[in-house]
Amino acid sequence: MLEKQISQAFLEAYKNKESETVETLRMVKAALTNRKVDKMLSKDDDLPDEEVIAVLKTEAKKRQDSIESYRQGNREDLAAKEESELAIIKKFLPEQLSDEQLRGVVAEVISEIGNPGPSGFGKIMGAVMAKTKGAADGNAVSRIVKEELSK
């Protein structure tokens, strides 16, 4: 479903001559095709939305890393280009949970599992990531789990 939305947006941007959007979505579609090859799927098979989200997150992370590198090198022009690509990719990602919402999920998981202390970090991280299903950044979850376990 999400893959079809990306293809539809690509065609729409192509028809409207939005070159930056076309270029970005073309890179995303290539990354999706590479994932299909990795999974030994045919070109016509659709990837599950979870896989598409994983690819989109990878592409977004690449852009984020590039932005940081370009800023360190005082290349604002290239950083701006990467930021606009990142904005296009983020349109297809699920909305991220806020810190307050994440704290609620973490507290819920800890109450279900019990507070194992710092040694149970991995168990709680896994449960929280499974519950949020792509709607939470791993770094944010890690930070909040550490804070909650240290209480």
Protein backbone atom coordinates (compact mmCIF):
# COMPACT_ATOMS: atom_id res chain seq x y z
CA MET A 1 0.00 0.00 0.00
CA LEU A 2 2.71 2.48 1.01
CA GLU A 3 4.81 1.45 -1.97
CA LYS A 4 1.89 2.24 -4.27
CA GLN A 5 1.51 5.66 -2.62
CA ILE A 6 5.18 6.38 -3.30
CA SER A 7 4.81 5.33 -6.94
CA GLN A 8 1.69 7.47 -7.29
CA ALA A 9 3.46 10.48 -5.76
CA PHE A 10 6.39 9.88 -8.12
CA LEU A 11 4.10 9.93 -11.17
CA GLU A 12 2.30 13.03 -9.90
CA ALA A 13 5.60 14.86 -9.34
CA TYR A 14 6.84 13.74 -12.75
CA LYS A 15 3.73 15.11 -14.47
CA ASN A 16 4.02 18.38 -12.55
CA LYS A 17 7.74 18.66 -13.40
CA GLU A 18 8.78 18.79 -9.73
CA SER A 19 12.35 17.73 -10.39
CA GLU A 20 13.53 17.61 -6.77
CA THR A 21 10.62 15.41 -5.70
CA VAL A 22 11.07 13.18 -8.74
CA GLU A 23 14.79 12.79 -8.03
CA THR A 24 14.20 11.96 -4.35
CA LEU A 25 11.38 9.51 -4.99
CA ARG A 26 13.42 7.88 -7.75
CA MET A 27 16.17 7.20 -5.18
CA VAL A 28 13.57 5.82 -2.75
CA LYS A 29 12.11 3.57 -5.44
CA ALA A 30 15.61 2.30 -6.26
CA ALA A 31 16.19 1.51 -2.58
CA LEU A 32 12.85 -0.35 -2.49
CA THR A 33 13.85 -2.33 -5.58
CA ASN A 34 17.17 -3.21 -3.93
CA ARG A 35 15.28 -4.45 -0.86
CA LYS A 36 13.08 -6.59 -3.13
CA VAL A 37 16.19 -8.11 -4.70
CA ASP A 38 17.61 -8.78 -1.23
CA LYS A 39 14.36 -10.51 -0.25
CA MET A 40 14.30 -12.40 -3.57
CA LEU A 41 10.94 -10.95 -4.57
CA SER A 42 9.96 -10.21 -8.14
CA LYS A 43 9.81 -6.61 -9.29
CA ASP A 44 6.00 -6.76 -9.38
CA ASP A 45 5.61 -7.99 -5.79
CA ASP A 46 4.83 -5.36 -3.18
CA LEU A 47 6.94 -5.12 -0.06
CA PRO A 48 5.02 -5.18 3.21
CA ASP A 49 4.54 -1.70 4.68
CA GLU A 50 6.93 -2.54 7.55
CA GLU A 51 9.72 -3.17 5.03
CA VAL A 52 8.90 0.02 3.13
CA ILE A 53 9.00 1.99 6.39
CA ALA A 54 12.37 0.42 7.24
CA VAL A 55 13.75 1.49 3.84
CA LEU A 56 12.32 5.00 4.27
CA LYS A 57 13.88 5.27 7.73
CA THR A 58 17.24 4.19 6.31
CA GLU A 59 17.01 6.80 3.57
CA ALA A 60 15.96 9.47 6.09
CA LYS A 61 18.89 8.56 8.35
CA LYS A 62 21.29 8.90 5.39
CA ARG A 63 19.93 12.37 4.71
CA GLN A 64 20.18 13.34 8.40
CA ASP A 65 23.81 12.18 8.55
CA SER A 66 24.61 14.07 5.34
CA ILE A 67 23.03 17.25 6.72
CA GLU A 68 25.24 17.06 9.81
CA SER A 69 28.36 16.42 7.72
CA TYR A 70 27.61 19.26 5.31
CA ARG A 71 26.99 21.67 8.19
CA GLN A 72 30.32 20.73 9.76
CA GLY A 73 31.97 21.48 6.44
CA ASN A 74 30.11 24.82 6.07
CA ARG A 75 28.23 23.60 2.99
CA GLU A 76 24.79 25.09 3.68
CA ASP A 77 23.77 24.74 0.03
CA LEU A 78 24.17 20.96 0.12
CA ALA A 79 22.64 20.75 3.61
CA ALA A 80 19.56 22.61 2.34
CA LYS A 81 19.19 20.15 -0.56
CA GLU A 82 19.40 17.19 1.83
CA GLU A 83 16.85 18.84 4.14
CA SER A 84 14.35 19.20 1.33
CA GLU A 85 14.89 15.54 0.37
CA LEU A 86 14.40 14.56 4.01
CA ALA A 87 11.12 16.51 4.11
CA ILE A 88 9.89 14.61 1.04
CA ILE A 89 10.80 11.24 2.58
CA LYS A 90 9.19 12.14 5.93
CA LYS A 91 5.84 12.64 4.17
CA PHE A 92 5.65 8.86 3.79
CA LEU A 93 6.82 7.91 7.29
CA PRO A 94 4.31 7.38 10.10
CA GLU A 95 4.06 10.23 12.59
CA GLN A 96 6.57 9.83 15.40
CA LEU A 97 5.39 9.54 19.00
CA SER A 98 6.16 12.44 21.32
CA ASP A 99 8.39 11.95 24.37
CA GLU A 100 5.32 12.00 26.63
CA GLN A 101 3.60 9.29 24.58
CA LEU A 102 6.81 7.24 24.57
CA ARG A 103 7.12 7.57 28.34
CA GLY A 104 3.59 6.20 28.64
CA VAL A 105 4.41 3.18 26.47
CA VAL A 106 7.68 2.56 28.34
CA ALA A 107 5.91 2.80 31.71
CA GLU A 108 3.24 0.38 30.48
CA VAL A 109 5.86 -2.15 29.31
CA ILE A 110 7.81 -1.84 32.57
CA SER A 111 4.63 -2.45 34.57
CA GLU A 112 3.86 -5.54 32.46
CA ILE A 113 7.38 -6.97 32.66
CA GLY A 114 8.31 -5.56 36.04
CA ASN A 115 11.30 -3.30 36.61
CA PRO A 116 14.31 -5.54 36.01
CA GLY A 117 16.76 -2.68 36.50
CA PRO A 118 19.51 -1.84 34.01
CA SER A 119 20.08 -5.54 33.22
CA GLY A 120 16.65 -5.80 31.54
CA PHE A 121 17.27 -2.92 29.16
CA GLY A 122 17.25 -5.08 26.01
CA LYS A 123 14.07 -6.89 26.98
CA ILE A 124 12.22 -3.63 27.57
CA MET A 125 13.64 -2.00 24.42
CA GLY A 126 12.46 -4.95 22.33
CA ALA A 127 8.97 -4.84 23.81
CA VAL A 128 8.64 -1.07 23.36
CA MET A 129 9.89 -1.18 19.76
CA ALA A 130 7.44 -4.00 18.99
CA LYS A 131 4.57 -2.00 20.50
CA THR A 132 5.37 1.23 18.69
CA LYS A 133 5.95 -0.47 15.29
CA GLY A 134 8.00 2.21 13.58
CA ALA A 135 6.28 5.18 15.23
CA ALA A 136 9.23 5.77 17.56
CA ASP A 137 12.87 6.56 16.95
CA GLY A 138 15.18 3.95 18.47
CA ASN A 139 17.47 6.58 19.98
CA ALA A 140 14.57 8.32 21.71
CA VAL A 141 13.24 5.00 23.02
CA SER A 142 16.69 4.06 24.30
CA ARG A 143 17.08 7.39 26.10
CA ILE A 144 13.65 7.19 27.73
CA VAL A 145 14.05 3.53 28.76
CA LYS A 146 17.39 4.38 30.41
CA GLU A 147 15.79 7.30 32.25
CA GLU A 148 12.85 5.19 33.44
CA LEU A 149 15.05 2.29 34.57
CA SER A 150 17.31 4.59 36.57
CA LYS A 151 14.38 5.90 38.64
